[in-house]
Amino acid sequence: MTKTDYHVRSIEEQDIPFLWEMLYASLHTREGDEPLQLESIHTPELSKYVEDWGREGDFGYVAVDQHGKSLGSITLRFYTDQNAGYGYVNAATPEMGMAVIEDARGKGVGSLLLRTALDEAKRRGIEAISLSVDPDNEAIRLYKRMGFAYISEWDSWRKASVVHR
């Protein structure tokens, strides 16, 4: 797969089922751990990342191959103290979620999604973006390469909060 084999476009209403798939794909488990149950994405702690997608401030992208197959997604969404996500920093900092299907990983899809989202955030005047990632997740290398910096770790979840400024 080359970069000409796929492109990125804004999320559309028909992409919402794929966003749910990507939410599940983004749930990192360490080697040897039992995979999380699919139903876990419908808990209040996780469903907030996709539920009612398209509300004010939401933006994101889907990478699609030349045949129309969705390869990955990136979402940015604002939260408050009342509905804070795992990577919550403050109400002015959107939390990012991203996942790429297994077959498309390591081929630049995630980098393109991330660059596109960072460019749009800059265009919108957004000063920082946060996310929560397991320190053992290989994606953390991409986030560091793209300028995200570690700010804290939750011992009980082993999730690192990282932020891009």
Protein backbone atom coordinates (compact mmCIF):
# COMPACT_ATOMS: atom_id res chain seq x y z
CA MET A 1 0.00 0.00 0.00
CA THR A 2 1.39 3.36 -0.99
CA LYS A 3 0.21 6.83 -0.02
CA THR A 4 -1.54 7.09 -3.38
CA ASP A 5 -3.61 4.02 -2.46
CA TYR A 6 -5.62 5.94 0.15
CA HIS A 7 -6.83 9.40 1.05
CA VAL A 8 -8.32 11.15 4.06
CA ARG A 9 -11.73 12.80 4.15
CA SER A 10 -13.91 14.35 6.86
CA ILE A 11 -16.13 12.03 8.87
CA GLU A 12 -19.63 11.72 7.44
CA GLU A 13 -22.78 10.33 9.03
CA GLN A 14 -22.38 6.97 7.25
CA ASP A 15 -18.97 6.57 8.99
CA ILE A 16 -20.44 6.35 12.49
CA PRO A 17 -20.62 2.51 12.53
CA PHE A 18 -16.94 2.48 11.51
CA LEU A 19 -16.16 4.91 14.36
CA TRP A 20 -17.61 2.35 16.77
CA GLU A 21 -15.38 -0.34 15.21
CA MET A 22 -12.36 1.92 15.56
CA LEU A 23 -13.26 2.71 19.18
CA TYR A 24 -13.08 -1.02 19.90
CA ALA A 25 -9.85 -1.35 17.88
CA SER A 26 -8.32 1.46 19.94
CA LEU A 27 -8.75 -0.48 23.21
CA HIS A 28 -5.21 -1.71 23.73
CA THR A 29 -4.61 -4.90 25.69
CA ARG A 30 -1.18 -6.15 26.59
CA GLU A 31 0.16 -9.44 25.31
CA GLY A 32 -1.26 -12.27 27.40
CA ASP A 33 -4.31 -10.26 28.56
CA GLU A 34 -7.80 -11.40 27.62
CA PRO A 35 -9.26 -9.24 24.83
CA LEU A 36 -11.89 -6.80 26.01
CA GLN A 37 -15.47 -7.72 25.26
CA LEU A 38 -17.04 -5.87 22.32
CA GLU A 39 -19.88 -4.75 24.61
CA SER A 40 -17.37 -2.69 26.63
CA ILE A 41 -17.57 0.12 24.04
CA HIS A 42 -21.17 0.73 25.11
CA THR A 43 -20.30 1.53 28.73
CA PRO A 44 -20.64 5.23 29.66
CA GLU A 45 -16.85 5.51 30.06
CA LEU A 46 -16.25 4.52 26.43
CA SER A 47 -19.45 5.26 24.50
CA LYS A 48 -18.92 9.02 25.05
CA TYR A 49 -16.20 8.88 22.39
CA VAL A 50 -18.69 8.15 19.57
CA GLU A 51 -22.23 8.62 20.90
CA ASP A 52 -24.03 11.59 19.34
CA TRP A 53 -21.13 12.17 16.95
CA GLY A 54 -21.42 15.46 15.08
CA ARG A 55 -22.19 17.69 18.04
CA GLU A 56 -20.71 21.20 18.09
CA GLY A 57 -16.89 21.13 18.09
CA ASP A 58 -16.55 17.50 16.93
CA PHE A 59 -14.24 16.94 14.00
CA GLY A 60 -12.33 14.06 12.54
CA TYR A 61 -11.28 12.12 9.50
CA VAL A 62 -11.47 8.68 7.93
CA ALA A 63 -8.73 7.19 5.76
CA VAL A 64 -10.23 5.38 2.78
CA ASP A 65 -8.57 3.25 0.12
CA GLN A 66 -9.21 3.60 -3.62
CA HIS A 67 -12.02 1.02 -3.37
CA GLY A 68 -13.85 2.94 -0.65
CA LYS A 69 -12.76 0.67 2.22
CA SER A 70 -12.27 2.53 5.50
CA LEU A 71 -8.76 2.02 6.88
CA GLY A 72 -8.73 4.14 10.02
CA SER A 73 -10.20 7.12 11.78
CA ILE A 74 -9.21 10.02 13.99
CA THR A 75 -11.68 11.96 16.11
CA LEU A 76 -11.34 15.09 18.20
CA ARG A 77 -14.00 15.92 20.73
CA PHE A 78 -14.36 18.42 23.55
CA TYR A 79 -15.36 17.31 27.04
CA THR A 80 -16.05 19.02 30.36
CA ASP A 81 -15.30 18.16 33.98
CA GLN A 82 -18.72 16.43 34.07
CA ASN A 83 -18.08 14.05 31.15
CA ALA A 84 -14.27 13.92 31.12
CA GLY A 85 -12.60 11.23 29.04
CA TYR A 86 -9.48 9.26 29.95
CA GLY A 87 -7.16 11.85 28.39
CA TYR A 88 -9.06 14.89 29.65
CA VAL A 89 -6.95 17.99 30.33
CA ASN A 90 -9.50 20.82 30.30
CA ALA A 91 -12.60 22.02 28.43
CA ALA A 92 -10.49 23.96 25.89
CA THR A 93 -8.43 20.90 24.89
CA PRO A 94 -10.11 18.32 22.66
CA GLU A 95 -9.37 14.68 23.33
CA MET A 96 -8.24 12.67 20.33
CA GLY A 97 -9.11 9.09 19.51
CA MET A 98 -7.45 7.21 16.68
CA ALA A 99 -7.26 3.68 15.30
CA VAL A 100 -6.21 2.00 12.08
CA ILE A 101 -7.38 -1.43 10.93
CA GLU A 102 -4.77 -4.12 11.46
CA ASP A 103 -4.02 -4.66 7.74
CA ALA A 104 -3.25 -0.95 7.23
CA ARG A 105 -0.96 -0.41 10.23
CA GLY A 106 2.63 0.63 9.61
CA LYS A 107 1.84 2.00 6.16
CA GLY A 108 1.51 5.72 6.92
CA VAL A 109 -2.26 5.79 7.40
CA GLY A 110 -2.04 6.84 11.05
CA SER A 111 0.57 9.50 10.26
CA LEU A 112 -1.62 11.00 7.54
CA LEU A 113 -4.70 10.99 9.78
CA LEU A 114 -2.75 12.62 12.60
CA ARG A 115 -1.12 15.28 10.39
CA THR A 116 -4.51 16.15 8.90
CA ALA A 117 -6.14 16.48 12.33
CA LEU A 118 -3.26 18.56 13.73
CA ASP A 119 -3.42 20.89 10.71
CA GLU A 120 -7.18 21.35 11.17
CA ALA A 121 -6.79 21.96 14.92
CA LYS A 122 -4.20 24.64 14.18
CA ARG A 123 -6.51 26.19 11.57
CA ARG A 124 -9.27 26.31 14.21
CA GLY A 125 -6.97 27.99 16.72
CA ILE A 126 -6.89 25.00 19.07
CA GLU A 127 -3.82 25.33 21.27
CA ALA A 128 -3.49 21.74 22.51
CA ILE A 129 -4.82 18.23 21.88
CA SER A 130 -4.81 15.41 24.43
CA LEU A 131 -5.13 11.66 24.29
CA SER A 132 -4.79 8.68 26.56
CA VAL A 133 -2.59 5.80 25.48
CA ASP A 134 -1.18 2.71 27.15
CA PRO A 135 2.59 3.20 27.40
CA ASP A 136 2.99 -0.32 25.94
CA ASN A 137 0.98 0.56 22.83
CA GLU A 138 3.24 0.82 19.75
CA ALA A 139 1.25 3.88 18.61
CA ILE A 140 2.95 5.93 21.31
CA ARG A 141 6.01 6.14 19.03
CA LEU A 142 3.90 7.90 16.39
CA TYR A 143 2.48 10.31 18.95
CA LYS A 144 5.94 11.19 20.24
CA ARG A 145 7.26 11.62 16.71
CA MET A 146 4.39 14.02 15.95
CA GLY A 147 5.14 16.18 18.98
CA PHE A 148 2.97 14.78 21.76
CA ALA A 149 4.52 14.92 25.23
CA TYR A 150 3.83 12.75 28.26
CA ILE A 151 2.05 14.61 31.09
CA SER A 152 0.85 11.95 33.55
CA GLU A 153 0.15 8.26 34.10
CA TRP A 154 -2.75 6.61 35.86
CA ASP A 155 -1.32 3.63 37.72
CA SER A 156 -4.63 1.79 37.95
CA TRP A 157 -5.13 1.95 34.16
CA ARG A 158 -1.50 2.26 33.03
CA LYS A 159 -2.67 4.94 30.66
CA ALA A 160 -0.40 7.81 29.81
CA SER A 161 -1.98 11.16 29.15
CA VAL A 162 -0.09 12.93 26.43
CA VAL A 163 -0.65 16.34 24.93
CA HIS A 164 0.32 18.11 21.70
CA ARG A 165 0.82 21.89 21.99
